[in-house]
Amino acid sequence: MATKGRVEQKIRELIRKGKYQEAISEYHRLLETHLDDPELLNNMGDTYRVAGLIEDAIISYEQAMLAYEKESLYNNAIAIGNKILRIEPDRVEIYNQLGKLYGELGLPLVAMTSLIEYANRKRM
């Protein structure tokens, strides 16, 4: 059985060659044994995005965001949330999640800004 590092090296090579579907398949196989690995989910999202599969990318990013939050890596989760919003600003729930994450970091003003944005977008 190939190690995680070897599989990731193979994935990078597939991406370099533009074989995105094969790389995505390898990510799925790797995630079977490395459940909820936020870095893998983020990288898989990047591969989906490069392949033009935006909805799949966002789903993968959302999973990465939750996995980072679960590990209390709030800054990483926030970075992924902001990445999602750069791609699709109308992903309303992300503003809510960001508000909670900023709150966990003890940043009440930034949290409030995100939550107000969430509330305003929900009213629309």
Protein backbone atom coordinates (compact mmCIF):
# COMPACT_ATOMS: atom_id res chain seq x y z
CA MET A 1 0.00 0.00 0.00
CA ALA A 2 1.34 3.42 -0.97
CA THR A 3 1.99 5.94 1.77
CA LYS A 4 0.04 9.17 1.97
CA GLY A 5 3.12 11.09 0.86
CA ARG A 6 3.59 8.95 -2.23
CA VAL A 7 -0.05 9.28 -3.20
CA GLU A 8 0.13 13.06 -2.74
CA GLN A 9 3.24 13.12 -4.94
CA LYS A 10 1.35 11.14 -7.59
CA ILE A 11 -1.55 13.60 -7.32
CA ARG A 12 0.77 16.58 -7.82
CA GLU A 13 2.22 14.91 -10.91
CA LEU A 14 -1.27 14.24 -12.32
CA ILE A 15 -2.24 17.87 -11.73
CA ARG A 16 0.96 19.07 -13.38
CA LYS A 17 0.01 16.99 -16.44
CA GLY A 18 -3.53 18.41 -16.42
CA LYS A 19 -5.09 15.05 -15.50
CA TYR A 20 -7.50 16.57 -13.01
CA GLN A 21 -10.11 13.80 -12.97
CA GLU A 22 -7.43 11.21 -12.20
CA ALA A 23 -6.06 13.44 -9.43
CA ILE A 24 -9.54 13.88 -7.97
CA SER A 25 -10.04 10.10 -8.00
CA GLU A 26 -6.76 9.71 -6.10
CA TYR A 27 -7.93 12.29 -3.55
CA HIS A 28 -11.14 10.32 -3.02
CA ARG A 29 -9.16 7.11 -2.49
CA LEU A 30 -6.82 8.87 -0.06
CA LEU A 31 -9.74 10.33 1.88
CA GLU A 32 -11.11 6.83 2.45
CA THR A 33 -8.23 6.22 4.86
CA HIS A 34 -7.64 9.81 5.96
CA LEU A 35 -11.19 10.84 6.78
CA ASP A 36 -11.84 14.53 7.25
CA ASP A 37 -8.22 15.56 6.57
CA PRO A 38 -8.72 19.30 6.08
CA GLU A 39 -5.56 19.78 4.03
CA LEU A 40 -6.56 17.01 1.61
CA LEU A 41 -10.08 18.42 1.34
CA ASN A 42 -8.72 21.89 0.64
CA ASN A 43 -6.29 20.60 -1.99
CA MET A 44 -9.03 18.53 -3.59
CA GLY A 45 -11.17 21.67 -3.73
CA ASP A 46 -8.32 23.48 -5.48
CA THR A 47 -8.12 20.67 -8.02
CA TYR A 48 -11.88 20.75 -8.62
CA ARG A 49 -11.65 24.51 -9.13
CA VAL A 50 -8.81 24.25 -11.65
CA ALA A 51 -10.83 21.57 -13.45
CA GLY A 52 -13.74 24.02 -13.68
CA LEU A 53 -15.95 22.05 -11.29
CA ILE A 54 -16.83 25.00 -9.08
CA GLU A 55 -19.74 23.48 -7.13
CA ASP A 56 -17.65 20.41 -6.28
CA ALA A 57 -14.79 22.71 -5.26
CA ILE A 58 -17.04 24.64 -2.90
CA ILE A 59 -18.41 21.45 -1.35
CA SER A 60 -14.86 20.24 -0.75
CA TYR A 61 -13.87 23.62 0.71
CA GLU A 62 -16.90 23.57 3.02
CA GLN A 63 -15.86 20.13 4.26
CA ALA A 64 -12.30 21.40 4.80
CA MET A 65 -13.63 24.42 6.68
CA LEU A 66 -15.64 22.17 9.03
CA ALA A 67 -12.68 19.81 9.50
CA TYR A 68 -10.38 22.70 10.43
CA GLU A 69 -13.00 24.00 12.85
CA LYS A 70 -13.31 20.54 14.40
CA GLU A 71 -9.56 20.60 15.04
CA SER A 72 -9.88 24.12 16.53
CA LEU A 73 -7.75 25.53 13.69
CA TYR A 74 -9.99 28.56 13.40
CA ASN A 75 -7.62 30.71 11.34
CA ASN A 76 -7.37 27.96 8.73
CA ALA A 77 -11.16 27.54 8.70
CA ILE A 78 -11.56 31.30 8.23
CA ALA A 79 -9.08 31.27 5.33
CA ILE A 80 -11.11 28.55 3.61
CA GLY A 81 -14.35 30.44 4.26
CA ASN A 82 -12.89 33.54 2.67
CA LYS A 83 -11.71 31.45 -0.28
CA ILE A 84 -15.28 30.22 -0.77
CA LEU A 85 -16.63 33.77 -0.67
CA ARG A 86 -14.10 34.93 -3.28
CA ILE A 87 -15.44 32.25 -5.61
CA GLU A 88 -19.11 32.55 -4.70
CA PRO A 89 -20.00 35.63 -2.58
CA ASP A 90 -23.64 34.58 -2.40
CA ARG A 91 -22.85 31.52 -0.26
CA VAL A 92 -24.79 33.07 2.63
CA GLU A 93 -24.18 30.41 5.29
CA ILE A 94 -20.44 31.02 5.11
CA TYR A 95 -20.91 34.49 6.62
CA ASN A 96 -22.66 32.87 9.58
CA GLN A 97 -19.88 30.32 10.00
CA LEU A 98 -17.23 33.02 9.76
CA GLY A 99 -19.01 35.01 12.46
CA LYS A 100 -18.87 32.02 14.78
CA LEU A 101 -15.21 31.36 13.98
CA TYR A 102 -14.21 34.97 14.60
CA GLY A 103 -16.08 34.73 17.88
CA GLU A 104 -14.06 31.65 18.83
CA LEU A 105 -10.91 33.67 18.19
CA GLY A 106 -12.13 36.43 20.51
CA LEU A 107 -12.71 38.95 17.73
CA PRO A 108 -16.22 40.22 18.51
CA LEU A 109 -16.24 43.19 16.13
CA VAL A 110 -15.17 41.10 13.14
CA ALA A 111 -17.62 38.40 14.21
CA MET A 112 -20.41 40.95 14.39
CA THR A 113 -19.55 42.26 10.92
CA SER A 114 -19.83 38.76 9.46
CA LEU A 115 -23.06 38.06 11.30
CA ILE A 116 -24.60 41.36 10.18
CA GLU A 117 -23.61 40.53 6.60
CA TYR A 118 -25.23 37.11 7.06
CA ALA A 119 -28.45 38.69 8.40
CA ASN A 120 -28.58 41.28 5.60
CA ARG A 121 -28.10 38.63 2.92
CA LYS A 122 -30.73 36.36 4.47
CA ARG A 123 -33.28 39.20 4.23
CA MET A 124 -32.70 39.62 0.50
